[in-house]
């Protein structure tokens, strides 16, 4: 037990000694690139058919980066970023559009979102009744 504590202390001190000067240098010299002015916003969205993400294998996945500019493999990256900014990154605030009619067929679709939104860790999961309901939840975030 003493050896384990000694190794843990040694590793902790070594990490501090090695990484400490590196972080100090990064803080002492701020970057002049535009991306340094923005908190990171990078997400991975996945889709699969089933009742929960724990039992579903993702069938599709896209990336969405919103800061400093919209990019990624999401087919409507700019619109999705604008929609998320308007909802302040709250996926539950995205609502179903009123002009949409979907069947009541139950073929569950699970969407997951993992990543960082404005510097904060994000992990989101939602099960929609079917593909139609998913596609019209919000304007563009879940349309991939």
N, C-alpha and C. Protein backbone atom coordinates (compact mmCIF):
# COMPACT_ATOMS: atom_id res chain seq x y z
N UNK A 1 0.81 -1.19 0.00
CA UNK A 1 0.00 0.00 0.00
C UNK A 1 0.86 1.26 0.00
N UNK A 2 1.97 1.21 0.76
CA UNK A 2 2.86 2.36 0.79
C UNK A 2 3.46 2.64 -0.58
N UNK A 3 3.80 1.57 -1.32
CA UNK A 3 4.37 1.76 -2.65
C UNK A 3 3.36 2.41 -3.59
N UNK A 4 2.10 2.04 -3.48
CA UNK A 4 1.07 2.64 -4.34
C UNK A 4 0.95 4.13 -4.06
N UNK A 5 0.93 4.50 -2.81
CA UNK A 5 0.84 5.92 -2.45
C UNK A 5 2.08 6.67 -2.92
N UNK A 6 3.23 6.03 -2.79
CA UNK A 6 4.48 6.67 -3.22
C UNK A 6 4.47 6.88 -4.73
N UNK A 7 4.03 5.85 -5.48
CA UNK A 7 3.97 5.98 -6.94
C UNK A 7 2.98 7.06 -7.35
N UNK A 8 1.83 7.12 -6.68
CA UNK A 8 0.83 8.14 -7.01
C UNK A 8 1.39 9.54 -6.76
N UNK A 9 2.07 9.71 -5.64
CA UNK A 9 2.66 11.01 -5.34
C UNK A 9 3.74 11.37 -6.35
N UNK A 10 4.56 10.38 -6.71
CA UNK A 10 5.64 10.61 -7.68
C UNK A 10 5.08 10.99 -9.04
N UNK A 11 4.05 10.27 -9.50
CA UNK A 11 3.43 10.59 -10.79
C UNK A 11 2.78 11.97 -10.78
N UNK A 12 2.12 12.30 -9.67
CA UNK A 12 1.49 13.61 -9.56
C UNK A 12 2.50 14.74 -9.60
N UNK A 13 3.58 14.59 -8.86
CA UNK A 13 4.62 15.62 -8.86
C UNK A 13 5.33 15.71 -10.21
N UNK A 14 5.55 14.56 -10.85
CA UNK A 14 6.18 14.56 -12.17
C UNK A 14 5.29 15.27 -13.18
N UNK A 15 4.01 14.97 -13.16
CA UNK A 15 3.08 15.63 -14.08
C UNK A 15 3.06 17.13 -13.85
N UNK A 16 3.07 17.54 -12.59
CA UNK A 16 3.08 18.97 -12.28
C UNK A 16 4.37 19.62 -12.76
N UNK A 17 5.48 18.94 -12.55
CA UNK A 17 6.77 19.50 -12.95
C UNK A 17 6.89 19.60 -14.46
N UNK A 18 6.37 18.61 -15.18
CA UNK A 18 6.49 18.61 -16.64
C UNK A 18 5.46 19.52 -17.27
N UNK A 19 4.21 19.44 -16.84
CA UNK A 19 3.13 20.18 -17.48
C UNK A 19 2.98 21.61 -16.95
N UNK A 20 3.40 21.85 -15.74
CA UNK A 20 3.27 23.18 -15.14
C UNK A 20 3.88 24.28 -15.97
N UNK A 21 5.16 24.14 -16.36
CA UNK A 21 5.76 25.19 -17.18
C UNK A 21 5.10 25.36 -18.53
N UNK A 22 4.56 24.27 -19.08
CA UNK A 22 3.90 24.36 -20.38
C UNK A 22 2.63 25.18 -20.29
N UNK A 23 1.83 24.96 -19.24
CA UNK A 23 0.60 25.74 -19.12
C UNK A 23 0.89 27.18 -18.78
N UNK A 24 1.90 27.42 -18.01
CA UNK A 24 2.28 28.80 -17.67
C UNK A 24 2.68 29.56 -18.91
N UNK A 25 3.43 28.94 -19.80
CA UNK A 25 3.84 29.59 -21.03
C UNK A 25 2.65 29.89 -21.92
N UNK A 26 1.70 28.97 -21.95
CA UNK A 26 0.51 29.18 -22.78
C UNK A 26 -0.32 30.34 -22.25
N UNK A 27 -0.39 30.49 -20.94
CA UNK A 27 -1.16 31.58 -20.37
C UNK A 27 -0.42 32.91 -20.46
N UNK A 28 0.90 32.86 -20.42
CA UNK A 28 1.68 34.09 -20.43
C UNK A 28 1.68 34.74 -21.80
N UNK A 29 1.56 33.95 -22.86
CA UNK A 29 1.60 34.49 -24.20
C UNK A 29 0.29 34.19 -24.92
N UNK A 30 -0.70 35.07 -24.80
CA UNK A 30 -1.99 34.80 -25.46
C UNK A 30 -1.83 34.80 -26.97
N UNK A 31 -2.57 33.93 -27.58
CA UNK A 31 -2.52 33.80 -29.03
C UNK A 31 -3.24 34.97 -29.68
N UNK A 32 -2.77 35.36 -30.83
CA UNK A 32 -3.42 36.45 -31.55
C UNK A 32 -4.32 35.94 -32.65
N UNK A 33 -4.51 34.61 -32.73
CA UNK A 33 -5.39 34.06 -33.76
C UNK A 33 -6.84 34.27 -33.36
N UNK A 34 -7.73 34.45 -34.32
CA UNK A 34 -9.14 34.68 -34.01
C UNK A 34 -9.77 33.54 -33.24
N UNK A 35 -9.35 32.29 -33.46
CA UNK A 35 -9.97 31.17 -32.77
C UNK A 35 -9.72 31.20 -31.27
N UNK A 36 -8.69 31.92 -30.82
CA UNK A 36 -8.40 32.01 -29.40
C UNK A 36 -9.43 32.88 -28.68
N UNK A 37 -10.22 33.65 -29.42
CA UNK A 37 -11.21 34.52 -28.81
C UNK A 37 -12.52 33.82 -28.51
N UNK A 38 -12.68 32.58 -28.95
CA UNK A 38 -13.92 31.86 -28.80
C UNK A 38 -13.74 30.63 -27.93
N UNK A 39 -14.74 30.37 -27.09
CA UNK A 39 -14.75 29.10 -26.36
C UNK A 39 -15.11 28.02 -27.38
N UNK A 40 -14.51 26.85 -27.28
CA UNK A 40 -14.76 25.83 -28.29
C UNK A 40 -16.21 25.35 -28.30
N UNK A 41 -16.70 25.08 -29.47
CA UNK A 41 -18.02 24.50 -29.67
C UNK A 41 -17.90 23.46 -30.77
N UNK A 42 -17.68 22.22 -30.37
CA UNK A 42 -17.51 21.13 -31.32
C UNK A 42 -18.31 19.93 -30.83
N UNK A 43 -19.19 19.41 -31.68
CA UNK A 43 -20.10 18.35 -31.29
C UNK A 43 -20.05 17.18 -32.27
N UNK A 44 -20.35 16.00 -31.77
CA UNK A 44 -20.53 14.82 -32.61
C UNK A 44 -21.97 14.36 -32.39
N UNK A 45 -22.75 14.31 -33.45
CA UNK A 45 -24.14 13.87 -33.38
C UNK A 45 -24.25 12.50 -34.03
N UNK A 46 -24.93 11.57 -33.37
CA UNK A 46 -25.12 10.24 -33.93
C UNK A 46 -26.60 9.91 -34.00
N UNK A 47 -26.93 8.96 -34.86
CA UNK A 47 -28.31 8.51 -35.03
C UNK A 47 -28.32 6.99 -35.15
N UNK A 48 -29.29 6.36 -34.51
CA UNK A 48 -29.47 4.91 -34.64
C UNK A 48 -30.92 4.55 -34.37
N UNK A 49 -31.34 3.39 -34.84
CA UNK A 49 -32.72 2.95 -34.62
C UNK A 49 -32.78 2.01 -33.42
N UNK A 50 -33.69 2.31 -32.49
CA UNK A 50 -33.86 1.52 -31.29
C UNK A 50 -34.40 2.38 -30.17
N UNK A 51 -34.46 1.80 -28.96
CA UNK A 51 -35.07 2.49 -27.84
C UNK A 51 -34.12 3.34 -27.00
N UNK A 52 -32.83 2.99 -26.97
CA UNK A 52 -31.88 3.79 -26.18
C UNK A 52 -30.49 3.67 -26.77
N UNK A 53 -29.66 4.65 -26.47
CA UNK A 53 -28.30 4.66 -27.00
C UNK A 53 -27.48 3.50 -26.47
N UNK A 54 -27.85 2.97 -25.31
CA UNK A 54 -27.11 1.86 -24.72
C UNK A 54 -27.25 0.58 -25.54
N UNK A 55 -28.36 0.44 -26.26
CA UNK A 55 -28.60 -0.78 -27.02
C UNK A 55 -28.54 -0.59 -28.53
N UNK A 56 -28.25 0.63 -28.99
CA UNK A 56 -28.28 0.95 -30.41
C UNK A 56 -26.86 1.15 -30.94
N UNK A 57 -26.61 0.60 -32.10
CA UNK A 57 -25.36 0.88 -32.80
C UNK A 57 -25.60 2.08 -33.72
N UNK A 58 -24.81 3.13 -33.59
CA UNK A 58 -25.02 4.30 -34.45
C UNK A 58 -24.94 3.94 -35.93
N UNK A 59 -25.89 4.46 -36.70
CA UNK A 59 -25.93 4.23 -38.13
C UNK A 59 -25.34 5.40 -38.91
N UNK A 60 -25.47 6.59 -38.34
CA UNK A 60 -24.93 7.80 -38.95
C UNK A 60 -24.28 8.65 -37.87
N UNK A 61 -23.27 9.38 -38.26
CA UNK A 61 -22.62 10.32 -37.35
C UNK A 61 -22.14 11.53 -38.15
N UNK A 62 -22.29 12.71 -37.57
CA UNK A 62 -21.80 13.93 -38.20
C UNK A 62 -21.09 14.77 -37.14
N UNK A 63 -20.21 15.63 -37.61
CA UNK A 63 -19.55 16.57 -36.72
C UNK A 63 -20.10 17.96 -36.97
N UNK A 64 -20.10 18.77 -35.92
CA UNK A 64 -20.60 20.14 -36.03
C UNK A 64 -19.71 21.02 -35.16
N UNK A 65 -19.02 21.95 -35.81
CA UNK A 65 -18.19 22.92 -35.11
C UNK A 65 -18.80 24.29 -35.33
N UNK A 66 -19.04 25.03 -34.25
CA UNK A 66 -19.73 26.31 -34.37
C UNK A 66 -18.88 27.53 -34.02
N UNK A 67 -17.68 27.34 -33.51
CA UNK A 67 -16.85 28.50 -33.18
C UNK A 67 -15.43 28.24 -33.64
N UNK A 68 -14.82 29.13 -34.31
CA UNK A 68 -15.26 30.49 -34.62
C UNK A 68 -16.22 30.56 -35.81
N UNK A 69 -16.22 29.56 -36.69
CA UNK A 69 -17.17 29.56 -37.80
C UNK A 69 -17.84 28.19 -37.87
N UNK A 70 -18.96 28.13 -38.53
CA UNK A 70 -19.68 26.87 -38.68
C UNK A 70 -18.98 25.98 -39.69
N UNK A 71 -18.75 24.73 -39.28
CA UNK A 71 -18.11 23.76 -40.18
C UNK A 71 -18.42 22.36 -39.69
N UNK A 72 -17.88 21.38 -40.37
CA UNK A 72 -18.08 19.99 -40.00
C UNK A 72 -18.77 19.24 -41.12
N UNK A 73 -19.13 17.99 -40.83
CA UNK A 73 -19.78 17.15 -41.83
C UNK A 73 -21.31 17.25 -41.77
N UNK A 74 -21.84 18.03 -40.86
CA UNK A 74 -23.29 18.24 -40.78
C UNK A 74 -23.75 18.89 -42.09
N UNK A 75 -24.82 18.38 -42.71
CA UNK A 75 -25.23 18.93 -44.01
C UNK A 75 -25.72 20.38 -43.97
N UNK A 76 -26.14 20.87 -42.82
CA UNK A 76 -26.58 22.26 -42.70
C UNK A 76 -25.89 22.89 -41.49
N UNK A 77 -24.56 22.92 -41.52
CA UNK A 77 -23.78 23.36 -40.37
C UNK A 77 -24.11 24.80 -39.95
N UNK A 78 -24.19 25.71 -40.89
CA UNK A 78 -24.46 27.12 -40.54
C UNK A 78 -25.82 27.28 -39.89
N UNK A 79 -26.84 26.67 -40.47
CA UNK A 79 -28.19 26.77 -39.91
C UNK A 79 -28.27 26.09 -38.55
N UNK A 80 -27.63 24.93 -38.40
CA UNK A 80 -27.65 24.22 -37.12
C UNK A 80 -26.96 25.03 -36.03
N UNK A 81 -25.84 25.65 -36.36
CA UNK A 81 -25.14 26.48 -35.37
C UNK A 81 -25.98 27.70 -34.97
N UNK A 82 -26.62 28.32 -35.95
CA UNK A 82 -27.47 29.46 -35.65
C UNK A 82 -28.63 29.05 -34.75
N UNK A 83 -29.21 27.90 -35.02
CA UNK A 83 -30.32 27.40 -34.20
C UNK A 83 -29.86 27.09 -32.78
N UNK A 84 -28.69 26.49 -32.64
CA UNK A 84 -28.16 26.20 -31.30
C UNK A 84 -27.80 27.47 -30.54
N UNK A 85 -27.26 28.46 -31.25
CA UNK A 85 -26.96 29.73 -30.58
C UNK A 85 -28.25 30.38 -30.07
N UNK A 86 -29.30 30.33 -30.85
CA UNK A 86 -30.58 30.91 -30.44
C UNK A 86 -31.16 30.19 -29.22
N UNK A 87 -30.90 28.88 -29.11
CA UNK A 87 -31.39 28.09 -27.98
C UNK A 87 -30.37 28.05 -26.85
N UNK A 88 -29.27 28.80 -26.99
CA UNK A 88 -28.18 28.84 -26.01
C UNK A 88 -27.63 27.45 -25.73
N UNK A 89 -27.58 26.60 -26.76
CA UNK A 89 -27.02 25.26 -26.64
C UNK A 89 -27.92 24.26 -25.94
N UNK A 90 -29.17 24.62 -25.67
CA UNK A 90 -30.10 23.74 -24.97
C UNK A 90 -30.91 22.93 -25.99
N UNK A 91 -30.58 21.65 -26.12
CA UNK A 91 -31.24 20.81 -27.11
C UNK A 91 -32.71 20.58 -26.77
N UNK A 92 -33.07 20.63 -25.50
CA UNK A 92 -34.47 20.48 -25.11
C UNK A 92 -35.30 21.70 -25.49
N UNK A 93 -34.66 22.83 -25.74
CA UNK A 93 -35.38 24.04 -26.13
C UNK A 93 -35.77 24.01 -27.61
N UNK A 94 -35.20 23.10 -28.37
CA UNK A 94 -35.58 22.96 -29.78
C UNK A 94 -36.96 22.33 -29.83
N UNK A 95 -37.88 22.95 -30.51
CA UNK A 95 -39.26 22.47 -30.51
C UNK A 95 -39.67 21.97 -31.89
N UNK A 96 -40.75 21.22 -31.91
CA UNK A 96 -41.30 20.70 -33.16
C UNK A 96 -41.99 21.84 -33.89
N UNK A 97 -41.71 21.93 -35.18
CA UNK A 97 -42.37 22.95 -35.98
C UNK A 97 -43.86 22.62 -36.09
N UNK A 98 -44.69 23.63 -36.08
CA UNK A 98 -46.13 23.43 -36.10
C UNK A 98 -46.70 23.05 -37.45
N UNK A 99 -45.95 23.24 -38.53
CA UNK A 99 -46.47 23.00 -39.87
C UNK A 99 -46.17 21.59 -40.39
N UNK A 100 -45.87 20.65 -39.50
CA UNK A 100 -45.44 19.32 -39.91
C UNK A 100 -46.45 18.27 -39.46
N UNK A 101 -46.75 17.34 -40.35
CA UNK A 101 -47.60 16.21 -40.01
C UNK A 101 -46.79 14.93 -40.19
N UNK A 102 -46.68 14.15 -39.13
CA UNK A 102 -45.96 12.87 -39.19
C UNK A 102 -46.92 11.74 -38.85
N UNK A 103 -46.64 10.56 -39.35
CA UNK A 103 -47.45 9.40 -39.01
C UNK A 103 -47.20 9.02 -37.54
N UNK A 104 -48.08 8.22 -37.00
CA UNK A 104 -47.91 7.76 -35.62
C UNK A 104 -47.22 6.41 -35.55
N UNK A 105 -46.56 6.04 -36.63
CA UNK A 105 -45.80 4.79 -36.67
C UNK A 105 -44.69 4.85 -35.62
N UNK A 106 -44.55 3.77 -34.85
CA UNK A 106 -43.50 3.73 -33.84
C UNK A 106 -42.32 2.93 -34.38
N UNK A 107 -41.29 3.65 -34.75
CA UNK A 107 -40.03 3.08 -35.22
C UNK A 107 -38.95 3.96 -34.59
N UNK A 108 -38.63 3.74 -33.30
CA UNK A 108 -37.82 4.68 -32.54
C UNK A 108 -36.45 4.97 -33.14
N UNK A 109 -36.08 6.24 -33.04
CA UNK A 109 -34.80 6.75 -33.53
C UNK A 109 -34.12 7.44 -32.34
N UNK A 110 -32.88 7.06 -32.08
CA UNK A 110 -32.12 7.65 -30.98
C UNK A 110 -31.06 8.59 -31.55
N UNK A 111 -31.04 9.81 -31.01
CA UNK A 111 -30.03 10.79 -31.38
C UNK A 111 -29.19 11.07 -30.14
N UNK A 112 -27.87 11.06 -30.31
CA UNK A 112 -26.99 11.44 -29.21
C UNK A 112 -26.11 12.60 -29.66
N UNK A 113 -25.74 13.43 -28.71
CA UNK A 113 -24.84 14.55 -28.96
C UNK A 113 -23.79 14.53 -27.86
N UNK A 114 -22.54 14.52 -28.25
CA UNK A 114 -21.43 14.57 -27.31
C UNK A 114 -20.42 15.58 -27.80
N UNK A 115 -19.82 16.30 -26.87
CA UNK A 115 -18.79 17.26 -27.25
C UNK A 115 -18.72 18.41 -26.29
N UNK A 116 -18.46 19.60 -26.84
CA UNK A 116 -18.30 20.81 -26.04
C UNK A 116 -19.11 21.92 -26.69
N UNK A 117 -19.88 22.64 -25.88
CA UNK A 117 -20.62 23.80 -26.36
C UNK A 117 -20.19 25.00 -25.53
N UNK A 118 -19.56 25.97 -26.18
CA UNK A 118 -19.05 27.18 -25.54
C UNK A 118 -18.20 26.85 -24.31
N UNK A 119 -17.34 25.85 -24.48
CA UNK A 119 -16.40 25.47 -23.43
C UNK A 119 -16.95 24.54 -22.37
N UNK A 120 -18.23 24.18 -22.43
CA UNK A 120 -18.85 23.31 -21.44
C UNK A 120 -19.14 21.94 -22.06
N UNK A 121 -18.85 20.89 -21.32
CA UNK A 121 -19.08 19.51 -21.78
C UNK A 121 -20.58 19.29 -22.00
N UNK A 122 -20.92 18.64 -23.12
CA UNK A 122 -22.31 18.36 -23.47
C UNK A 122 -22.46 16.87 -23.72
N UNK A 123 -23.52 16.29 -23.15
CA UNK A 123 -23.89 14.91 -23.43
C UNK A 123 -25.41 14.87 -23.43
N UNK A 124 -25.98 14.54 -24.57
CA UNK A 124 -27.44 14.59 -24.75
C UNK A 124 -27.90 13.34 -25.48
N UNK A 125 -29.03 12.81 -25.07
CA UNK A 125 -29.64 11.65 -25.74
C UNK A 125 -31.15 11.87 -25.77
N UNK A 126 -31.73 11.56 -26.93
CA UNK A 126 -33.19 11.67 -27.05
C UNK A 126 -33.70 10.60 -28.00
N UNK A 127 -34.80 9.97 -27.63
CA UNK A 127 -35.45 8.98 -28.48
C UNK A 127 -36.70 9.60 -29.08
N UNK A 128 -36.76 9.59 -30.40
CA UNK A 128 -37.92 10.11 -31.13
C UNK A 128 -38.77 8.93 -31.60
N UNK A 129 -40.06 9.16 -31.76
CA UNK A 129 -40.98 8.08 -32.16
C UNK A 129 -40.64 7.51 -33.53
N UNK A 130 -40.20 8.37 -34.46
CA UNK A 130 -39.81 7.90 -35.79
C UNK A 130 -38.93 8.95 -36.47
N UNK A 131 -38.47 8.63 -37.63
CA UNK A 131 -37.55 9.50 -38.38
C UNK A 131 -38.19 10.85 -38.70
N UNK A 132 -39.47 10.87 -39.03
CA UNK A 132 -40.16 12.11 -39.36
C UNK A 132 -40.17 13.06 -38.17
N UNK A 133 -40.52 12.55 -37.00
CA UNK A 133 -40.56 13.38 -35.79
C UNK A 133 -39.18 13.95 -35.50
N UNK A 134 -38.15 13.13 -35.66
CA UNK A 134 -36.77 13.59 -35.43
C UNK A 134 -36.40 14.71 -36.39
N UNK A 135 -36.70 14.55 -37.65
CA UNK A 135 -36.30 15.52 -38.66
C UNK A 135 -36.94 16.88 -38.48
N UNK A 136 -38.12 16.92 -37.89
CA UNK A 136 -38.81 18.19 -37.73
C UNK A 136 -38.79 18.71 -36.31
N UNK A 137 -37.90 18.17 -35.50
CA UNK A 137 -37.68 18.69 -34.15
C UNK A 137 -36.62 19.78 -34.29
N UNK A 138 -37.05 21.02 -34.24
CA UNK A 138 -36.16 22.13 -34.58
C UNK A 138 -36.14 22.31 -36.08
N UNK A 139 -35.26 23.16 -36.55
CA UNK A 139 -35.19 23.41 -37.99
C UNK A 139 -34.12 22.61 -38.70
N UNK A 140 -32.95 22.48 -38.08
CA UNK A 140 -31.85 21.87 -38.84
C UNK A 140 -30.88 21.03 -38.01
N UNK A 141 -30.86 21.15 -36.69
CA UNK A 141 -29.86 20.47 -35.88
C UNK A 141 -29.91 18.95 -36.09
N UNK A 142 -31.11 18.38 -36.07
CA UNK A 142 -31.25 16.93 -36.15
C UNK A 142 -31.54 16.43 -37.56
N UNK A 143 -31.39 17.27 -38.57
CA UNK A 143 -31.62 16.84 -39.95
C UNK A 143 -30.30 16.42 -40.59
N UNK A 144 -29.91 15.20 -40.30
CA UNK A 144 -28.69 14.64 -40.91
C UNK A 144 -28.90 13.18 -41.19
